[in-house]
Amino acid sequence: ALSRSDGSSYYGDSVVGRFSIFRDNAKMTLYLRM
């Protein structure tokens, strides 16, 4: 999960350290790097 404004993120226990969530607001796109 990625917060609405400040960039805070949460990860499930099974994926922490391996996955990364980020967004590009200008492109209106959310990403998940696995």
PDB file of all heavy atoms in Angstrom:
ATOM      1  N   ALA A   1       0.836  -1.194   0.000  1.00  0.00           N
ATOM      2  CA  ALA A   1       0.000   0.000   0.000  1.00  0.00           C
ATOM      3  C   ALA A   1       0.871   1.244   0.000  1.00  0.00           C
ATOM      4  O   ALA A   1       1.977   1.238   0.555  1.00  0.00           O
ATOM      5  CB  ALA A   1      -0.931   0.018   1.216  1.00  0.00           C
ATOM      6  N   LEU A   2       0.355   2.302  -0.613  1.00  0.00           N
ATOM      7  CA  LEU A   2       1.052   3.579  -0.711  1.00  0.00           C
ATOM      8  C   LEU A   2       0.112   4.670  -0.249  1.00  0.00           C
ATOM      9  O   LEU A   2      -1.040   4.729  -0.679  1.00  0.00           O
ATOM     10  CB  LEU A   2       1.500   3.819  -2.151  1.00  0.00           C
ATOM     11  CG  LEU A   2       2.381   5.039  -2.424  1.00  0.00           C
ATOM     12  CD1 LEU A   2       3.723   4.898  -1.715  1.00  0.00           C
ATOM     13  CD2 LEU A   2       2.584   5.207  -3.920  1.00  0.00           C
ATOM     14  N   SER A   3       0.592   5.562   0.614  1.00  0.00           N
ATOM     15  CA  SER A   3      -0.251   6.591   1.201  1.00  0.00           C
ATOM     16  C   SER A   3      -0.717   7.614   0.183  1.00  0.00           C
ATOM     17  O   SER A   3      -0.144   7.750  -0.909  1.00  0.00           O
ATOM     18  CB  SER A   3       0.479   7.292   2.348  1.00  0.00           C
ATOM     19  OG  SER A   3       1.544   8.092   1.848  1.00  0.00           O
ATOM     20  N   ARG A   4      -1.740   8.370   0.589  1.00  0.00           N
ATOM     21  CA  ARG A   4      -2.356   9.355  -0.286  1.00  0.00           C
ATOM     22  C   ARG A   4      -1.423  10.510  -0.618  1.00  0.00           C
ATOM     23  O   ARG A   4      -1.494  11.066  -1.703  1.00  0.00           O
ATOM     24  CB  ARG A   4      -3.636   9.874   0.388  1.00  0.00           C
ATOM     25  CG  ARG A   4      -4.531  10.692  -0.497  1.00  0.00           C
ATOM     26  CD  ARG A   4      -5.858  10.958   0.200  1.00  0.00           C
ATOM     27  NE  ARG A   4      -5.688  11.750   1.413  1.00  0.00           N
ATOM     28  CZ  ARG A   4      -6.179  11.430   2.594  1.00  0.00           C
ATOM     29  NH1 ARG A   4      -6.899  10.317   2.728  1.00  0.00           N
ATOM     30  NH2 ARG A   4      -5.988  12.210   3.646  1.00  0.00           N
ATOM     31  N   SER A   5      -0.517  10.887   0.310  1.00  0.00           N
ATOM     32  CA  SER A   5       0.228  12.115   0.105  1.00  0.00           C
ATOM     33  C   SER A   5       1.704  12.103   0.494  1.00  0.00           C
ATOM     34  O   SER A   5       2.519  12.733  -0.190  1.00  0.00           O
ATOM     35  CB  SER A   5      -0.449  13.263   0.863  1.00  0.00           C
ATOM     36  OG  SER A   5      -0.502  12.997   2.246  1.00  0.00           O
ATOM     37  N   ASP A   6       2.088  11.410   1.576  1.00  0.00           N
ATOM     38  CA  ASP A   6       3.445  11.577   2.092  1.00  0.00           C
ATOM     39  C   ASP A   6       4.423  10.489   1.679  1.00  0.00           C
ATOM     40  O   ASP A   6       5.576  10.511   2.103  1.00  0.00           O
ATOM     41  CB  ASP A   6       3.428  11.723   3.617  1.00  0.00           C
ATOM     42  CG  ASP A   6       3.075  10.451   4.357  1.00  0.00           C
ATOM     43  OD1 ASP A   6       2.802   9.426   3.702  1.00  0.00           O
ATOM     44  OD2 ASP A   6       3.069  10.485   5.598  1.00  0.00           O
ATOM     45  N   GLY A   7       4.002   9.538   0.868  1.00  0.00           N
ATOM     46  CA  GLY A   7       4.897   8.512   0.380  1.00  0.00           C
ATOM     47  C   GLY A   7       5.104   7.332   1.296  1.00  0.00           C
ATOM     48  O   GLY A   7       5.914   6.450   0.971  1.00  0.00           O
ATOM     49  N   SER A   8       4.413   7.275   2.425  1.00  0.00           N
ATOM     50  CA  SER A   8       4.522   6.128   3.320  1.00  0.00           C
ATOM     51  C   SER A   8       4.028   4.871   2.629  1.00  0.00           C
ATOM     52  O   SER A   8       3.112   4.917   1.803  1.00  0.00           O
ATOM     53  CB  SER A   8       3.720   6.365   4.596  1.00  0.00           C
ATOM     54  OG  SER A   8       4.198   7.490   5.303  1.00  0.00           O
ATOM     55  N   SER A   9       4.615   3.740   2.964  1.00  0.00           N
ATOM     56  CA  SER A   9       4.232   2.478   2.352  1.00  0.00           C
ATOM     57  C   SER A   9       4.182   1.355   3.367  1.00  0.00           C
ATOM     58  O   SER A   9       4.893   1.373   4.373  1.00  0.00           O
ATOM     59  CB  SER A   9       5.194   2.111   1.220  1.00  0.00           C
ATOM     60  OG  SER A   9       6.523   1.986   1.697  1.00  0.00           O
ATOM     61  N   TYR A  10       3.317   0.368   3.100  1.00  0.00           N
ATOM     62  CA  TYR A  10       3.219  -0.858   3.873  1.00  0.00           C
ATOM     63  C   TYR A  10       3.451  -2.024   2.927  1.00  0.00           C
ATOM     64  O   TYR A  10       3.135  -1.950   1.736  1.00  0.00           O
ATOM     65  CB  TYR A  10       1.831  -1.031   4.501  1.00  0.00           C
ATOM     66  CG  TYR A  10       1.420  -0.060   5.570  1.00  0.00           C
ATOM     67  CD1 TYR A  10       0.067   0.146   5.833  1.00  0.00           C
ATOM     68  CD2 TYR A  10       2.343   0.629   6.333  1.00  0.00           C
ATOM     69  CE1 TYR A  10      -0.348   1.023   6.817  1.00  0.00           C
ATOM     70  CE2 TYR A  10       1.941   1.515   7.318  1.00  0.00           C
ATOM     71  CZ  TYR A  10       0.590   1.700   7.561  1.00  0.00           C
ATOM     72  OH  TYR A  10       0.185   2.577   8.550  1.00  0.00           O
ATOM     73  N   TYR A  11       3.951  -3.149   3.475  1.00  0.00           N
ATOM     74  CA  TYR A  11       4.137  -4.359   2.695  1.00  0.00           C
ATOM     75  C   TYR A  11       3.681  -5.565   3.489  1.00  0.00           C
ATOM     76  O   TYR A  11       3.847  -5.619   4.705  1.00  0.00           O
ATOM     77  CB  TYR A  11       5.598  -4.539   2.287  1.00  0.00           C
ATOM     78  CG  TYR A  11       6.077  -3.475   1.337  1.00  0.00           C
ATOM     79  CD1 TYR A  11       6.731  -2.338   1.800  1.00  0.00           C
ATOM     80  CD2 TYR A  11       5.862  -3.599  -0.033  1.00  0.00           C
ATOM     81  CE1 TYR A  11       7.152  -1.354   0.926  1.00  0.00           C
ATOM     82  CE2 TYR A  11       6.279  -2.617  -0.914  1.00  0.00           C
ATOM     83  CZ  TYR A  11       6.922  -1.494  -0.426  1.00  0.00           C
ATOM     84  OH  TYR A  11       7.337  -0.519  -1.300  1.00  0.00           O
ATOM     85  N   GLY A  12       3.125  -6.534   2.778  1.00  0.00           N
ATOM     86  CA  GLY A  12       2.788  -7.784   3.412  1.00  0.00           C
ATOM     87  C   GLY A  12       4.042  -8.528   3.837  1.00  0.00           C
ATOM     88  O   GLY A  12       5.108  -8.394   3.227  1.00  0.00           O
ATOM     89  N   ASP A  13       3.911  -9.335   4.900  1.00  0.00           N
ATOM     90  CA  ASP A  13       5.070 -10.034   5.447  1.00  0.00           C
ATOM     91  C   ASP A  13       5.768 -10.913   4.416  1.00  0.00           C
ATOM     92  O   ASP A  13       6.992 -11.074   4.445  1.00  0.00           O
ATOM     93  CB  ASP A  13       4.652 -10.889   6.644  1.00  0.00           C
ATOM     94  CG  ASP A  13       4.246 -10.063   7.847  1.00  0.00           C
ATOM     95  OD1 ASP A  13       4.601  -8.873   7.913  1.00  0.00           O
ATOM     96  OD2 ASP A  13       3.570 -10.617   8.743  1.00  0.00           O
ATOM     97  N   SER A  14       5.015 -11.499   3.508  1.00  0.00           N
ATOM     98  CA  SER A  14       5.584 -12.432   2.556  1.00  0.00           C
ATOM     99  C   SER A  14       6.359 -11.758   1.427  1.00  0.00           C
ATOM    100  O   SER A  14       7.089 -12.436   0.697  1.00  0.00           O
ATOM    101  CB  SER A  14       4.483 -13.316   1.956  1.00  0.00           C
ATOM    102  OG  SER A  14       3.554 -12.539   1.225  1.00  0.00           O
ATOM    103  N   VAL A  15       6.218 -10.435   1.275  1.00  0.00           N
ATOM    104  CA  VAL A  15       6.862  -9.745   0.158  1.00  0.00           C
ATOM    105  C   VAL A  15       7.827  -8.655   0.600  1.00  0.00           C
ATOM    106  O   VAL A  15       8.550  -8.105  -0.250  1.00  0.00           O
ATOM    107  CB  VAL A  15       5.821  -9.150  -0.815  1.00  0.00           C
ATOM    108  CG1 VAL A  15       4.843 -10.217  -1.267  1.00  0.00           C
ATOM    109  CG2 VAL A  15       5.087  -7.972  -0.178  1.00  0.00           C
ATOM    110  N   VAL A  16       7.859  -8.323   1.886  1.00  0.00           N
ATOM    111  CA  VAL A  16       8.710  -7.245   2.353  1.00  0.00           C
ATOM    112  C   VAL A  16      10.167  -7.529   1.989  1.00  0.00           C
ATOM    113  O   VAL A  16      10.652  -8.650   2.127  1.00  0.00           O
ATOM    114  CB  VAL A  16       8.544  -7.025   3.869  1.00  0.00           C
ATOM    115  CG1 VAL A  16       9.001  -8.244   4.666  1.00  0.00           C
ATOM    116  CG2 VAL A  16       9.289  -5.784   4.320  1.00  0.00           C
ATOM    117  N   GLY A  17      10.843  -6.500   1.496  1.00  0.00           N
ATOM    118  CA  GLY A  17      12.226  -6.652   1.068  1.00  0.00           C
ATOM    119  C   GLY A  17      12.385  -7.092  -0.366  1.00  0.00           C
ATOM    120  O   GLY A  17      13.494  -6.996  -0.911  1.00  0.00           O
ATOM    121  N   ARG A  18      11.319  -7.574  -0.990  1.00  0.00           N
ATOM    122  CA  ARG A  18      11.380  -8.031  -2.376  1.00  0.00           C
ATOM    123  C   ARG A  18      10.561  -7.162  -3.327  1.00  0.00           C
ATOM    124  O   ARG A  18      10.921  -7.022  -4.492  1.00  0.00           O
ATOM    125  CB  ARG A  18      10.893  -9.479  -2.493  1.00  0.00           C
ATOM    126  CG  ARG A  18      11.719 -10.476  -1.699  1.00  0.00           C
ATOM    127  CD  ARG A  18      11.294 -11.917  -2.010  1.00  0.00           C
ATOM    128  NE  ARG A  18       9.910 -12.174  -1.624  1.00  0.00           N
ATOM    129  CZ  ARG A  18       8.958 -12.557  -2.471  1.00  0.00           C
ATOM    130  NH1 ARG A  18       9.223 -12.735  -3.756  1.00  0.00           N
ATOM    131  NH2 ARG A  18       7.728 -12.792  -2.017  1.00  0.00           N
ATOM    132  N   PHE A  19       9.452  -6.619  -2.836  1.00  0.00           N
ATOM    133  CA  PHE A  19       8.550  -5.819  -3.667  1.00  0.00           C
ATOM    134  C   PHE A  19       8.653  -4.347  -3.298  1.00  0.00           C
ATOM    135  O   PHE A  19       8.978  -3.999  -2.156  1.00  0.00           O
ATOM    136  CB  PHE A  19       7.103  -6.269  -3.479  1.00  0.00           C
ATOM    137  CG  PHE A  19       6.767  -7.614  -4.054  1.00  0.00           C
ATOM    138  CD1 PHE A  19       7.744  -8.489  -4.498  1.00  0.00           C
ATOM    139  CD2 PHE A  19       5.441  -8.008  -4.145  1.00  0.00           C
ATOM    140  CE1 PHE A  19       7.426  -9.734  -5.019  1.00  0.00           C
ATOM    141  CE2 PHE A  19       5.103  -9.243  -4.662  1.00  0.00           C
ATOM    142  CZ  PHE A  19       6.095 -10.104  -5.100  1.00  0.00           C
ATOM    143  N   SER A  20       8.323  -3.470  -4.251  1.00  0.00           N
ATOM    144  CA  SER A  20       8.334  -2.037  -4.024  1.00  0.00           C
ATOM    145  C   SER A  20       7.149  -1.390  -4.732  1.00  0.00           C
ATOM    146  O   SER A  20       6.917  -1.661  -5.918  1.00  0.00           O
ATOM    147  CB  SER A  20       9.643  -1.419  -4.526  1.00  0.00           C
ATOM    148  OG  SER A  20       9.665  -0.025  -4.328  1.00  0.00           O
ATOM    149  N   ILE A  21       6.392  -0.558  -4.014  1.00  0.00           N
ATOM    150  CA  ILE A  21       5.245   0.132  -4.580  1.00  0.00           C
ATOM    151  C   ILE A  21       5.597   1.603  -4.775  1.00  0.00           C
ATOM    152  O   ILE A  21       6.202   2.225  -3.907  1.00  0.00           O
ATOM    153  CB  ILE A  21       3.998  -0.031  -3.680  1.00  0.00           C
ATOM    154  CG1 ILE A  21       2.771   0.608  -4.325  1.00  0.00           C
ATOM    155  CG2 ILE A  21       4.243   0.518  -2.282  1.00  0.00           C
ATOM    156  CD1 ILE A  21       1.466   0.298  -3.580  1.00  0.00           C
ATOM    157  N   PHE A  22       5.222   2.160  -5.918  1.00  0.00           N
ATOM    158  CA  PHE A  22       5.460   3.569  -6.175  1.00  0.00           C
ATOM    159  C   PHE A  22       4.471   4.068  -7.216  1.00  0.00           C
ATOM    160  O   PHE A  22       3.788   3.279  -7.867  1.00  0.00           O
ATOM    161  CB  PHE A  22       6.907   3.834  -6.610  1.00  0.00           C
ATOM    162  CG  PHE A  22       7.375   3.051  -7.804  1.00  0.00           C
ATOM    163  CD1 PHE A  22       7.431   3.643  -9.058  1.00  0.00           C
ATOM    164  CD2 PHE A  22       7.783   1.737  -7.682  1.00  0.00           C
ATOM    165  CE1 PHE A  22       7.872   2.941 -10.162  1.00  0.00           C
ATOM    166  CE2 PHE A  22       8.222   1.011  -8.784  1.00  0.00           C
ATOM    167  CZ  PHE A  22       8.266   1.620 -10.023  1.00  0.00           C
ATOM    168  N   ARG A  23       4.387   5.375  -7.362  1.00  0.00           N
ATOM    169  CA  ARG A  23       3.409   5.967  -8.267  1.00  0.00           C
ATOM    170  C   ARG A  23       4.018   7.110  -9.059  1.00  0.00           C
ATOM    171  O   ARG A  23       4.992   7.738  -8.641  1.00  0.00           O
ATOM    172  CB  ARG A  23       2.192   6.473  -7.486  1.00  0.00           C
ATOM    173  CG  ARG A  23       2.471   7.738  -6.651  1.00  0.00           C
ATOM    174  CD  ARG A  23       1.608   7.838  -5.424  1.00  0.00           C
ATOM    175  NE  ARG A  23       0.201   8.001  -5.736  1.00  0.00           N
ATOM    176  CZ  ARG A  23      -0.774   7.880  -4.839  1.00  0.00           C
ATOM    177  NH1 ARG A  23      -0.485   7.581  -3.574  1.00  0.00           N
ATOM    178  NH2 ARG A  23      -2.042   8.051  -5.201  1.00  0.00           N
ATOM    179  N   ASP A  24       3.436   7.385 -10.208  1.00  0.00           N
ATOM    180  CA  ASP A  24       3.753   8.554 -11.013  1.00  0.00           C
ATOM    181  C   ASP A  24       2.443   9.310 -11.186  1.00  0.00           C
ATOM    182  O   ASP A  24       1.609   8.938 -12.007  1.00  0.00           O
ATOM    183  CB  ASP A  24       4.342   8.161 -12.364  1.00  0.00           C
ATOM    184  CG  ASP A  24       4.828   9.355 -13.165  1.00  0.00           C
ATOM    185  OD1 ASP A  24       4.241  10.440 -13.050  1.00  0.00           O
ATOM    186  OD2 ASP A  24       5.814   9.202 -13.918  1.00  0.00           O
ATOM    187  N   ASN A  25       2.247  10.355 -10.389  1.00  0.00           N
ATOM    188  CA  ASN A  25       0.980  11.072 -10.403  1.00  0.00           C
ATOM    189  C   ASN A  25       0.725  11.765 -11.739  1.00  0.00           C
ATOM    190  O   ASN A  25      -0.420  11.838 -12.192  1.00  0.00           O
ATOM    191  CB  ASN A  25       0.943  12.101  -9.272  1.00  0.00           C
ATOM    192  CG  ASN A  25       0.843  11.460  -7.905  1.00  0.00           C
ATOM    193  OD1 ASN A  25       0.244  10.400  -7.750  1.00  0.00           O
ATOM    194  ND2 ASN A  25       1.421  12.111  -6.904  1.00  0.00           N
ATOM    195  N   ALA A  26       1.767  12.290 -12.369  1.00  0.00           N
ATOM    196  CA  ALA A  26       1.606  12.958 -13.651  1.00  0.00           C
ATOM    197  C   ALA A  26       1.103  11.995 -14.718  1.00  0.00           C
ATOM    198  O   ALA A  26       0.300  12.371 -15.574  1.00  0.00           O
ATOM    199  CB  ALA A  26       2.915  13.602 -14.085  1.00  0.00           C
ATOM    200  N   LYS A  27       1.582  10.747 -14.679  1.00  0.00           N
ATOM    201  CA  LYS A  27       1.161   9.735 -15.645  1.00  0.00           C
ATOM    202  C   LYS A  27      -0.064   8.966 -15.180  1.00  0.00           C
ATOM    203  O   LYS A  27      -0.548   8.099 -15.906  1.00  0.00           O
ATOM    204  CB  LYS A  27       2.302   8.761 -15.922  1.00  0.00           C
ATOM    205  CG  LYS A  27       3.508   9.391 -16.592  1.00  0.00           C
ATOM    206  CD  LYS A  27       4.582   8.355 -16.881  1.00  0.00           C
ATOM    207  CE  LYS A  27       5.762   8.978 -17.590  1.00  0.00           C
ATOM    208  NZ  LYS A  27       6.834   7.979 -17.861  1.00  0.00           N
ATOM    209  N   MET A  28      -0.539   9.262 -13.980  1.00  0.00           N
ATOM    210  CA  MET A  28      -1.715   8.598 -13.424  1.00  0.00           C
ATOM    211  C   MET A  28      -1.528   7.079 -13.386  1.00  0.00           C
ATOM    212  O   MET A  28      -2.413   6.305 -13.753  1.00  0.00           O
ATOM    213  CB  MET A  28      -2.971   8.953 -14.223  1.00  0.00           C
ATOM    214  CG  MET A  28      -3.360  10.424 -14.129  1.00  0.00           C
ATOM    215  SD  MET A  28      -4.219  10.781 -12.574  1.00  0.00           S
ATOM    216  CE  MET A  28      -5.815  10.048 -12.924  1.00  0.00           C
ATOM    217  N   THR A  29      -0.351   6.654 -12.927  1.00  0.00           N
ATOM    218  CA  THR A  29      -0.018   5.239 -12.938  1.00  0.00           C
ATOM    219  C   THR A  29       0.602   4.814 -11.612  1.00  0.00           C
ATOM    220  O   THR A  29       1.481   5.499 -11.076  1.00  0.00           O
ATOM    221  CB  THR A  29       0.945   4.906 -14.084  1.00  0.00           C
ATOM    222  OG1 THR A  29       0.363   5.301 -15.328  1.00  0.00           O
ATOM    223  CG2 THR A  29       1.231   3.417 -14.132  1.00  0.00           C
ATOM    224  N   LEU A  30       0.143   3.681 -11.094  1.00  0.00           N
ATOM    225  CA  LEU A  30       0.700   3.032  -9.914  1.00  0.00           C
ATOM    226  C   LEU A  30       1.516   1.831 -10.373  1.00  0.00           C
ATOM    227  O   LEU A  30       1.121   1.132 -11.317  1.00  0.00           O
ATOM    228  CB  LEU A  30      -0.420   2.580  -8.985  1.00  0.00           C
ATOM    229  CG  LEU A  30      -0.014   1.798  -7.734  1.00  0.00           C
ATOM    230  CD1 LEU A  30       0.604   2.732  -6.705  1.00  0.00           C
ATOM    231  CD2 LEU A  30      -1.218   1.063  -7.157  1.00  0.00           C
ATOM    232  N   TYR A  31       2.628   1.555  -9.691  1.00  0.00           N
ATOM    233  CA  TYR A  31       3.505   0.457 -10.072  1.00  0.00           C
ATOM    234  C   TYR A  31       3.768  -0.470  -8.893  1.00  0.00           C
ATOM    235  O   TYR A  31       3.708  -0.071  -7.733  1.00  0.00           O
ATOM    236  CB  TYR A  31       4.855   0.976 -10.573  1.00  0.00           C
ATOM    237  CG  TYR A  31       4.768   1.886 -11.769  1.00  0.00           C
ATOM    238  CD1 TYR A  31       4.722   3.269 -11.612  1.00  0.00           C
ATOM    239  CD2 TYR A  31       4.740   1.367 -13.051  1.00  0.00           C
ATOM    240  CE1 TYR A  31       4.650   4.110 -12.703  1.00  0.00           C
ATOM    241  CE2 TYR A  31       4.669   2.202 -14.156  1.00  0.00           C
ATOM    242  CZ  TYR A  31       4.626   3.567 -13.972  1.00  0.00           C
ATOM    243  OH  TYR A  31       4.556   4.400 -15.068  1.00  0.00           O
ATOM    244  N   LEU A  32       4.096  -1.709  -9.216  1.00  0.00           N
ATOM    245  CA  LEU A  32       4.590  -2.675  -8.244  1.00  0.00           C
ATOM    246  C   LEU A  32       5.789  -3.369  -8.857  1.00  0.00           C
ATOM    247  O   LEU A  32       5.634  -4.127  -9.827  1.00  0.00           O
ATOM    248  CB  LEU A  32       3.518  -3.693  -7.865  1.00  0.00           C
ATOM    249  CG  LEU A  32       3.937  -4.728  -6.818  1.00  0.00           C
ATOM    250  CD1 LEU A  32       4.109  -4.063  -5.449  1.00  0.00           C
ATOM    251  CD2 LEU A  32       2.920  -5.864  -6.726  1.00  0.00           C
ATOM    252  N   ARG A  33       6.972  -3.108  -8.320  1.00  0.00           N
ATOM    253  CA  ARG A  33       8.178  -3.776  -8.770  1.00  0.00           C
ATOM    254  C   ARG A  33       8.372  -5.023  -7.919  1.00  0.00           C
ATOM    255  O   ARG A  33       8.433  -4.933  -6.696  1.00  0.00           O
ATOM    256  CB  ARG A  33       9.392  -2.854  -8.643  1.00  0.00           C
ATOM    257  CG  ARG A  33      10.714  -3.488  -9.053  1.00  0.00           C
ATOM    258  CD  ARG A  33      10.744  -3.776 -10.540  1.00  0.00           C
ATOM    259  NE  ARG A  33      11.987  -4.409 -10.949  1.00  0.00           N
ATOM    260  CZ  ARG A  33      12.276  -4.772 -12.182  1.00  0.00           C
ATOM    261  NH1 ARG A  33      11.396  -4.546 -13.152  1.00  0.00           N
ATOM    262  NH2 ARG A  33      13.432  -5.349 -12.459  1.00  0.00           N
ATOM    263  N   MET A  34       8.484  -6.170  -8.556  1.00  0.00           N
ATOM    264  CA  MET A  34       8.605  -7.446  -7.874  1.00  0.00           C
ATOM    265  C   MET A  34       9.943  -8.075  -8.238  1.00  0.00           C
ATOM    266  O   MET A  34      10.194  -8.385  -9.402  1.00  0.00           O
ATOM    267  CB  MET A  34       7.456  -8.378  -8.255  1.00  0.00           C
ATOM    268  CG  MET A  34       6.076  -7.778  -8.013  1.00  0.00           C
ATOM    269  SD  MET A  34       4.723  -8.929  -8.391  1.00  0.00           S
ATOM    270  CE  MET A  34       4.933  -9.081 -10.163  1.00  0.00           C
TER     271      MET A  34
END
